[in-house]
Amino acid sequence: MIFGGLLLYWSFLKRGLSLVQNIDSILFEKNAPLKFVLFVAMQICVDFWLIEIAYPIVWIITTILMILYHKKIL
């Protein structure tokens, strides 16, 4: 499940290493074969969070502050 069903990813598994050690060597070591894939996936998550959640919240707060300012409440 971690690597999906892609046989290419399965080829990176090393005999004699535990699952945790294999994941570490495939994703996090200096020359890890899937390090770039992990980085891109994380960047997509961050971009989604910014676009879908953070920007609308900032827009709503800014709009409320502008309305309150123009009504001389602030």
PDB file of N, CA and C in Angstrom:
ATOM      1  N   MET A   1       0.818  -1.197   0.000  1.00  0.00           N
ATOM      2  CA  MET A   1       0.000   0.000   0.000  1.00  0.00           C
ATOM      3  C   MET A   1       0.862   1.261   0.000  1.00  0.00           C
ATOM      4  N   ILE A   2       1.980   1.218   0.648  1.00  0.00           N
ATOM      5  CA  ILE A   2       2.826   2.400   0.733  1.00  0.00           C
ATOM      6  C   ILE A   2       3.330   2.821  -0.629  1.00  0.00           C
ATOM      7  N   PHE A   3       3.691   1.850  -1.441  1.00  0.00           N
ATOM      8  CA  PHE A   3       4.249   2.140  -2.757  1.00  0.00           C
ATOM      9  C   PHE A   3       3.245   1.882  -3.867  1.00  0.00           C
ATOM     10  N   GLY A   4       1.985   1.727  -3.515  1.00  0.00           N
ATOM     11  CA  GLY A   4       0.992   1.429  -4.532  1.00  0.00           C
ATOM     12  C   GLY A   4       1.257   0.060  -5.125  1.00  0.00           C
ATOM     13  N   GLY A   5       0.889  -0.110  -6.367  1.00  0.00           N
ATOM     14  CA  GLY A   5       1.094  -1.402  -7.004  1.00  0.00           C
ATOM     15  C   GLY A   5       2.175  -1.347  -8.062  1.00  0.00           C
ATOM     16  N   LEU A   6       2.936  -0.267  -8.087  1.00  0.00           N
ATOM     17  CA  LEU A   6       3.948  -0.117  -9.127  1.00  0.00           C
ATOM     18  C   LEU A   6       5.117  -1.065  -8.890  1.00  0.00           C
ATOM     19  N   LEU A   7       5.337  -1.935  -9.846  1.00  0.00           N
ATOM     20  CA  LEU A   7       6.413  -2.922  -9.703  1.00  0.00           C
ATOM     21  C   LEU A   7       7.780  -2.255  -9.628  1.00  0.00           C
ATOM     22  N   LEU A   8       7.923  -1.109 -10.265  1.00  0.00           N
ATOM     23  CA  LEU A   8       9.192  -0.387 -10.188  1.00  0.00           C
ATOM     24  C   LEU A   8       9.538  -0.077  -8.736  1.00  0.00           C
ATOM     25  N   TYR A   9       8.562   0.368  -7.972  1.00  0.00           N
ATOM     26  CA  TYR A   9       8.804   0.701  -6.571  1.00  0.00           C
ATOM     27  C   TYR A   9       9.177  -0.543  -5.770  1.00  0.00           C
ATOM     28  N   TRP A  10       8.537  -1.659  -6.069  1.00  0.00           N
ATOM     29  CA  TRP A  10       8.840  -2.904  -5.367  1.00  0.00           C
ATOM     30  C   TRP A  10      10.274  -3.339  -5.617  1.00  0.00           C
ATOM     31  N   SER A  11      10.820  -2.959  -6.775  1.00  0.00           N
ATOM     32  CA  SER A  11      12.193  -3.365  -7.097  1.00  0.00           C
ATOM     33  C   SER A  11      13.226  -2.668  -6.211  1.00  0.00           C
ATOM     34  N   PHE A  12      12.832  -1.595  -5.538  1.00  0.00           N
ATOM     35  CA  PHE A  12      13.758  -0.878  -4.658  1.00  0.00           C
ATOM     36  C   PHE A  12      13.894  -1.541  -3.283  1.00  0.00           C
ATOM     37  N   LEU A  13      12.994  -2.463  -2.953  1.00  0.00           N
ATOM     38  CA  LEU A  13      13.051  -3.131  -1.653  1.00  0.00           C
ATOM     39  C   LEU A  13      14.285  -4.018  -1.575  1.00  0.00           C
ATOM     40  N   LYS A  14      14.925  -3.992  -0.412  1.00  0.00           N
ATOM     41  CA  LYS A  14      16.149  -4.784  -0.203  1.00  0.00           C
ATOM     42  C   LYS A  14      15.874  -5.909   0.788  1.00  0.00           C
ATOM     43  N   ARG A  15      16.282  -7.115   0.398  1.00  0.00           N
ATOM     44  CA  ARG A  15      16.127  -8.261   1.304  1.00  0.00           C
ATOM     45  C   ARG A  15      16.989  -8.046   2.547  1.00  0.00           C
ATOM     46  N   GLY A  16      16.473  -8.498   3.651  1.00  0.00           N
ATOM     47  CA  GLY A  16      17.220  -8.400   4.894  1.00  0.00           C
ATOM     48  C   GLY A  16      16.933  -7.125   5.681  1.00  0.00           C
ATOM     49  N   LEU A  17      16.271  -6.154   5.058  1.00  0.00           N
ATOM     50  CA  LEU A  17      15.901  -4.930   5.769  1.00  0.00           C
ATOM     51  C   LEU A  17      14.439  -5.009   6.189  1.00  0.00           C
ATOM     52  N   SER A  18      14.138  -4.411   7.333  1.00  0.00           N
ATOM     53  CA  SER A  18      12.744  -4.371   7.781  1.00  0.00           C
ATOM     54  C   SER A  18      11.966  -3.398   6.894  1.00  0.00           C
ATOM     55  N   LEU A  19      10.662  -3.385   7.049  1.00  0.00           N
ATOM     56  CA  LEU A  19       9.828  -2.468   6.274  1.00  0.00           C
ATOM     57  C   LEU A  19      10.229  -1.021   6.542  1.00  0.00           C
ATOM     58  N   VAL A  20      10.428  -0.692   7.801  1.00  0.00           N
ATOM     59  CA  VAL A  20      10.818   0.674   8.169  1.00  0.00           C
ATOM     60  C   VAL A  20      12.173   1.032   7.555  1.00  0.00           C
ATOM     61  N   GLN A  21      13.123   0.119   7.612  1.00  0.00           N
ATOM     62  CA  GLN A  21      14.443   0.380   7.025  1.00  0.00           C
ATOM     63  C   GLN A  21      14.349   0.549   5.514  1.00  0.00           C
ATOM     64  N   ASN A  22      13.520  -0.257   4.859  1.00  0.00           N
ATOM     65  CA  ASN A  22      13.338  -0.130   3.419  1.00  0.00           C
ATOM     66  C   ASN A  22      12.720   1.214   3.057  1.00  0.00           C
ATOM     67  N   ILE A  23      11.696   1.619   3.786  1.00  0.00           N
ATOM     68  CA  ILE A  23      11.053   2.908   3.517  1.00  0.00           C
ATOM     69  C   ILE A  23      12.062   4.030   3.699  1.00  0.00           C
ATOM     70  N   ASP A  24      12.846   3.940   4.763  1.00  0.00           N
ATOM     71  CA  ASP A  24      13.869   4.959   5.011  1.00  0.00           C
ATOM     72  C   ASP A  24      14.877   5.018   3.866  1.00  0.00           C
ATOM     73  N   SER A  25      15.329   3.868   3.400  1.00  0.00           N
ATOM     74  CA  SER A  25      16.341   3.863   2.342  1.00  0.00           C
ATOM     75  C   SER A  25      15.764   4.292   0.992  1.00  0.00           C
ATOM     76  N   ILE A  26      14.489   4.058   0.777  1.00  0.00           N
ATOM     77  CA  ILE A  26      13.869   4.400  -0.511  1.00  0.00           C
ATOM     78  C   ILE A  26      13.438   5.859  -0.572  1.00  0.00           C
ATOM     79  N   LEU A  27      13.049   6.423   0.566  1.00  0.00           N
ATOM     80  CA  LEU A  27      12.490   7.786   0.547  1.00  0.00           C
ATOM     81  C   LEU A  27      13.373   8.861   1.179  1.00  0.00           C
ATOM     82  N   PHE A  28      14.172   8.514   2.181  1.00  0.00           N
ATOM     83  CA  PHE A  28      14.790   9.563   2.976  1.00  0.00           C
ATOM     84  C   PHE A  28      16.313   9.628   2.952  1.00  0.00           C
ATOM     85  N   GLU A  29      16.999   8.592   2.517  1.00  0.00           N
ATOM     86  CA  GLU A  29      18.461   8.653   2.490  1.00  0.00           C
ATOM     87  C   GLU A  29      18.946   9.651   1.450  1.00  0.00           C
ATOM     88  N   LYS A  30      20.223   9.966   1.517  1.00  0.00           N
ATOM     89  CA  LYS A  30      20.798  10.999   0.644  1.00  0.00           C
ATOM     90  C   LYS A  30      20.510  10.751  -0.840  1.00  0.00           C
ATOM     91  N   ASN A  31      20.760   9.557  -1.322  1.00  0.00           N
ATOM     92  CA  ASN A  31      20.526   9.238  -2.731  1.00  0.00           C
ATOM     93  C   ASN A  31      19.325   8.317  -2.907  1.00  0.00           C
ATOM     94  N   ALA A  32      18.299   8.537  -2.133  1.00  0.00           N
ATOM     95  CA  ALA A  32      17.103   7.690  -2.187  1.00  0.00           C
ATOM     96  C   ALA A  32      16.448   7.784  -3.569  1.00  0.00           C
ATOM     97  N   PRO A  33      16.067   6.631  -4.136  1.00  0.00           N
ATOM     98  CA  PRO A  33      15.511   6.637  -5.489  1.00  0.00           C
ATOM     99  C   PRO A  33      14.180   7.373  -5.622  1.00  0.00           C
ATOM    100  N   LEU A  34      13.404   7.442  -4.553  1.00  0.00           N
ATOM    101  CA  LEU A  34      12.094   8.099  -4.637  1.00  0.00           C
ATOM    102  C   LEU A  34      12.038   9.397  -3.853  1.00  0.00           C
ATOM    103  N   LYS A  35      13.191   9.948  -3.517  1.00  0.00           N
ATOM    104  CA  LYS A  35      13.223  11.186  -2.741  1.00  0.00           C
ATOM    105  C   LYS A  35      12.514  12.311  -3.493  1.00  0.00           C
ATOM    106  N   PHE A  36      12.759  12.413  -4.787  1.00  0.00           N
ATOM    107  CA  PHE A  36      12.131  13.465  -5.583  1.00  0.00           C
ATOM    108  C   PHE A  36      10.619  13.267  -5.652  1.00  0.00           C
ATOM    109  N   VAL A  37      10.183  12.016  -5.771  1.00  0.00           N
ATOM    110  CA  VAL A  37       8.746  11.724  -5.819  1.00  0.00           C
ATOM    111  C   VAL A  37       8.081  12.162  -4.518  1.00  0.00           C
ATOM    112  N   LEU A  38       8.723  11.877  -3.396  1.00  0.00           N
ATOM    113  CA  LEU A  38       8.192  12.285  -2.099  1.00  0.00           C
ATOM    114  C   LEU A  38       8.123  13.800  -2.010  1.00  0.00           C
ATOM    115  N   PHE A  39       9.178  14.490  -2.464  1.00  0.00           N
ATOM    116  CA  PHE A  39       9.202  15.948  -2.427  1.00  0.00           C
ATOM    117  C   PHE A  39       8.056  16.531  -3.249  1.00  0.00           C
ATOM    118  N   VAL A  40       7.848  16.018  -4.448  1.00  0.00           N
ATOM    119  CA  VAL A  40       6.776  16.518  -5.317  1.00  0.00           C
ATOM    120  C   VAL A  40       5.415  16.271  -4.677  1.00  0.00           C
ATOM    121  N   ALA A  41       5.214  15.104  -4.103  1.00  0.00           N
ATOM    122  CA  ALA A  41       3.943  14.791  -3.448  1.00  0.00           C
ATOM    123  C   ALA A  41       3.686  15.735  -2.277  1.00  0.00           C
ATOM    124  N   MET A  42       4.725  16.008  -1.486  1.00  0.00           N
ATOM    125  CA  MET A  42       4.573  16.934  -0.366  1.00  0.00           C
ATOM    126  C   MET A  42       4.273  18.342  -0.865  1.00  0.00           C
ATOM    127  N   GLN A  43       4.918  18.756  -1.949  1.00  0.00           N
ATOM    128  CA  GLN A  43       4.688  20.086  -2.504  1.00  0.00           C
ATOM    129  C   GLN A  43       3.259  20.223  -3.003  1.00  0.00           C
ATOM    130  N   ILE A  44       2.738  19.175  -3.629  1.00  0.00           N
ATOM    131  CA  ILE A  44       1.345  19.199  -4.097  1.00  0.00           C
ATOM    132  C   ILE A  44       0.395  19.357  -2.916  1.00  0.00           C
ATOM    133  N   CYS A  45       0.672  18.660  -1.812  1.00  0.00           N
ATOM    134  CA  CYS A  45      -0.165  18.783  -0.614  1.00  0.00           C
ATOM    135  C   CYS A  45      -0.114  20.198  -0.054  1.00  0.00           C
ATOM    136  N   VAL A  46       1.075  20.775  -0.004  1.00  0.00           N
ATOM    137  CA  VAL A  46       1.218  22.146   0.506  1.00  0.00           C
ATOM    138  C   VAL A  46       0.497  23.125  -0.407  1.00  0.00           C
ATOM    139  N   ASP A  47       0.674  22.981  -1.725  1.00  0.00           N
ATOM    140  CA  ASP A  47       0.002  23.866  -2.668  1.00  0.00           C
ATOM    141  C   ASP A  47      -1.506  23.748  -2.538  1.00  0.00           C
ATOM    142  N   PHE A  48      -2.012  22.526  -2.409  1.00  0.00           N
ATOM    143  CA  PHE A  48      -3.450  22.320  -2.243  1.00  0.00           C
ATOM    144  C   PHE A  48      -3.933  23.016  -0.980  1.00  0.00           C
ATOM    145  N   TRP A  49      -3.186  22.856   0.114  1.00  0.00           N
ATOM    146  CA  TRP A  49      -3.581  23.479   1.370  1.00  0.00           C
ATOM    147  C   TRP A  49      -3.635  24.993   1.224  1.00  0.00           C
ATOM    148  N   LEU A  50      -2.611  25.573   0.580  1.00  0.00           N
ATOM    149  CA  LEU A  50      -2.583  27.021   0.422  1.00  0.00           C
ATOM    150  C   LEU A  50      -3.737  27.510  -0.439  1.00  0.00           C
ATOM    151  N   ILE A  51      -3.974  26.847  -1.559  1.00  0.00           N
ATOM    152  CA  ILE A  51      -4.994  27.302  -2.500  1.00  0.00           C
ATOM    153  C   ILE A  51      -6.397  27.051  -1.976  1.00  0.00           C
ATOM    154  N   GLU A  52      -6.631  25.887  -1.433  1.00  0.00           N
ATOM    155  CA  GLU A  52      -7.980  25.488  -1.048  1.00  0.00           C
ATOM    156  C   GLU A  52      -8.394  25.937   0.348  1.00  0.00           C
ATOM    157  N   ILE A  53      -7.432  26.156   1.235  1.00  0.00           N
ATOM    158  CA  ILE A  53      -7.786  26.452   2.625  1.00  0.00           C
ATOM    159  C   ILE A  53      -7.261  27.811   3.079  1.00  0.00           C
ATOM    160  N   ALA A  54      -5.968  28.026   2.968  1.00  0.00           N
ATOM    161  CA  ALA A  54      -5.366  29.228   3.543  1.00  0.00           C
ATOM    162  C   ALA A  54      -5.804  30.508   2.820  1.00  0.00           C
ATOM    163  N   TYR A  55      -5.747  30.527   1.497  1.00  0.00           N
ATOM    164  CA  TYR A  55      -6.102  31.743   0.760  1.00  0.00           C
ATOM    165  C   TYR A  55      -7.540  32.176   1.008  1.00  0.00           C
ATOM    166  N   PRO A  56      -8.513  31.255   0.951  1.00  0.00           N
ATOM    167  CA  PRO A  56      -9.884  31.704   1.254  1.00  0.00           C
ATOM    168  C   PRO A  56     -10.039  32.242   2.669  1.00  0.00           C
ATOM    169  N   ILE A  57      -9.357  31.643   3.623  1.00  0.00           N
ATOM    170  CA  ILE A  57      -9.446  32.136   5.005  1.00  0.00           C
ATOM    171  C   ILE A  57      -8.866  33.540   5.099  1.00  0.00           C
ATOM    172  N   VAL A  58      -7.721  33.762   4.481  1.00  0.00           N
ATOM    173  CA  VAL A  58      -7.111  35.100   4.488  1.00  0.00           C
ATOM    174  C   VAL A  58      -8.029  36.094   3.797  1.00  0.00           C
ATOM    175  N   TRP A  59      -8.642  35.690   2.688  1.00  0.00           N
ATOM    176  CA  TRP A  59      -9.555  36.580   1.968  1.00  0.00           C
ATOM    177  C   TRP A  59     -10.749  36.949   2.837  1.00  0.00           C
ATOM    178  N   ILE A  60     -11.324  35.971   3.532  1.00  0.00           N
ATOM    179  CA  ILE A  60     -12.481  36.229   4.400  1.00  0.00           C
ATOM    180  C   ILE A  60     -12.096  37.169   5.536  1.00  0.00           C
ATOM    181  N   ILE A  61     -10.979  36.913   6.182  1.00  0.00           N
ATOM    182  CA  ILE A  61     -10.539  37.771   7.294  1.00  0.00           C
ATOM    183  C   ILE A  61     -10.267  39.185   6.799  1.00  0.00           C
ATOM    184  N   THR A  62      -9.606  39.315   5.661  1.00  0.00           N
ATOM    185  CA  THR A  62      -9.308  40.637   5.100  1.00  0.00           C
ATOM    186  C   THR A  62     -10.601  41.378   4.772  1.00  0.00           C
ATOM    187  N   THR A  63     -11.557  40.688   4.190  1.00  0.00           N
ATOM    188  CA  THR A  63     -12.842  41.310   3.850  1.00  0.00           C
ATOM    189  C   THR A  63     -13.561  41.791   5.105  1.00  0.00           C
ATOM    190  N   ILE A  64     -13.594  40.967   6.134  1.00  0.00           N
ATOM    191  CA  ILE A  64     -14.244  41.355   7.394  1.00  0.00           C
ATOM    192  C   ILE A  64     -13.547  42.573   7.997  1.00  0.00           C
ATOM    193  N   LEU A  65     -12.224  42.577   7.995  1.00  0.00           N
ATOM    194  CA  LEU A  65     -11.485  43.712   8.550  1.00  0.00           C
ATOM    195  C   LEU A  65     -11.751  44.991   7.752  1.00  0.00           C
ATOM    196  N   MET A  66     -11.834  44.876   6.437  1.00  0.00           N
ATOM    197  CA  MET A  66     -12.124  46.059   5.611  1.00  0.00           C
ATOM    198  C   MET A  66     -13.519  46.593   5.901  1.00  0.00           C
ATOM    199  N   ILE A  67     -14.491  45.700   6.047  1.00  0.00           N
ATOM    200  CA  ILE A  67     -15.859  46.135   6.365  1.00  0.00           C
ATOM    201  C   ILE A  67     -15.895  46.805   7.723  1.00  0.00           C
ATOM    202  N   LEU A  68     -15.269  46.215   8.705  1.00  0.00           N
ATOM    203  CA  LEU A  68     -15.240  46.811  10.045  1.00  0.00           C
ATOM    204  C   LEU A  68     -14.519  48.158  10.037  1.00  0.00           C
ATOM    205  N   TYR A  69     -13.451  48.273   9.260  1.00  0.00           N
ATOM    206  CA  TYR A  69     -12.706  49.530   9.180  1.00  0.00           C
ATOM    207  C   TYR A  69     -13.560  50.624   8.548  1.00  0.00           C
ATOM    208  N   HIS A  70     -14.242  50.289   7.471  1.00  0.00           N
ATOM    209  CA  HIS A  70     -15.063  51.283   6.779  1.00  0.00           C
ATOM    210  C   HIS A  70     -16.288  51.676   7.595  1.00  0.00           C
ATOM    211  N   LYS A  71     -16.743  50.847   8.484  1.00  0.00           N
ATOM    212  CA  LYS A  71     -17.861  51.186   9.354  1.00  0.00           C
ATOM    213  C   LYS A  71     -17.373  51.856  10.641  1.00  0.00           C
ATOM    214  N   LYS A  72     -16.070  52.134  10.691  1.00  0.00           N
ATOM    215  CA  LYS A  72     -15.434  52.807  11.837  1.00  0.00           C
ATOM    216  C   LYS A  72     -15.535  52.012  13.125  1.00  0.00           C
ATOM    217  N   ILE A  73     -15.637  50.695  13.011  1.00  0.00           N
ATOM    218  CA  ILE A  73     -15.631  49.848  14.195  1.00  0.00           C
ATOM    219  C   ILE A  73     -14.224  49.578  14.663  1.00  0.00           C
ATOM    220  N   LEU A  74     -13.289  49.555  13.705  1.00  0.00           N
ATOM    221  CA  LEU A  74     -11.878  49.349  14.061  1.00  0.00           C
ATOM    222  C   LEU A  74     -11.158  50.666  14.072  1.00  0.00           C
TER     223      LEU A  74
END
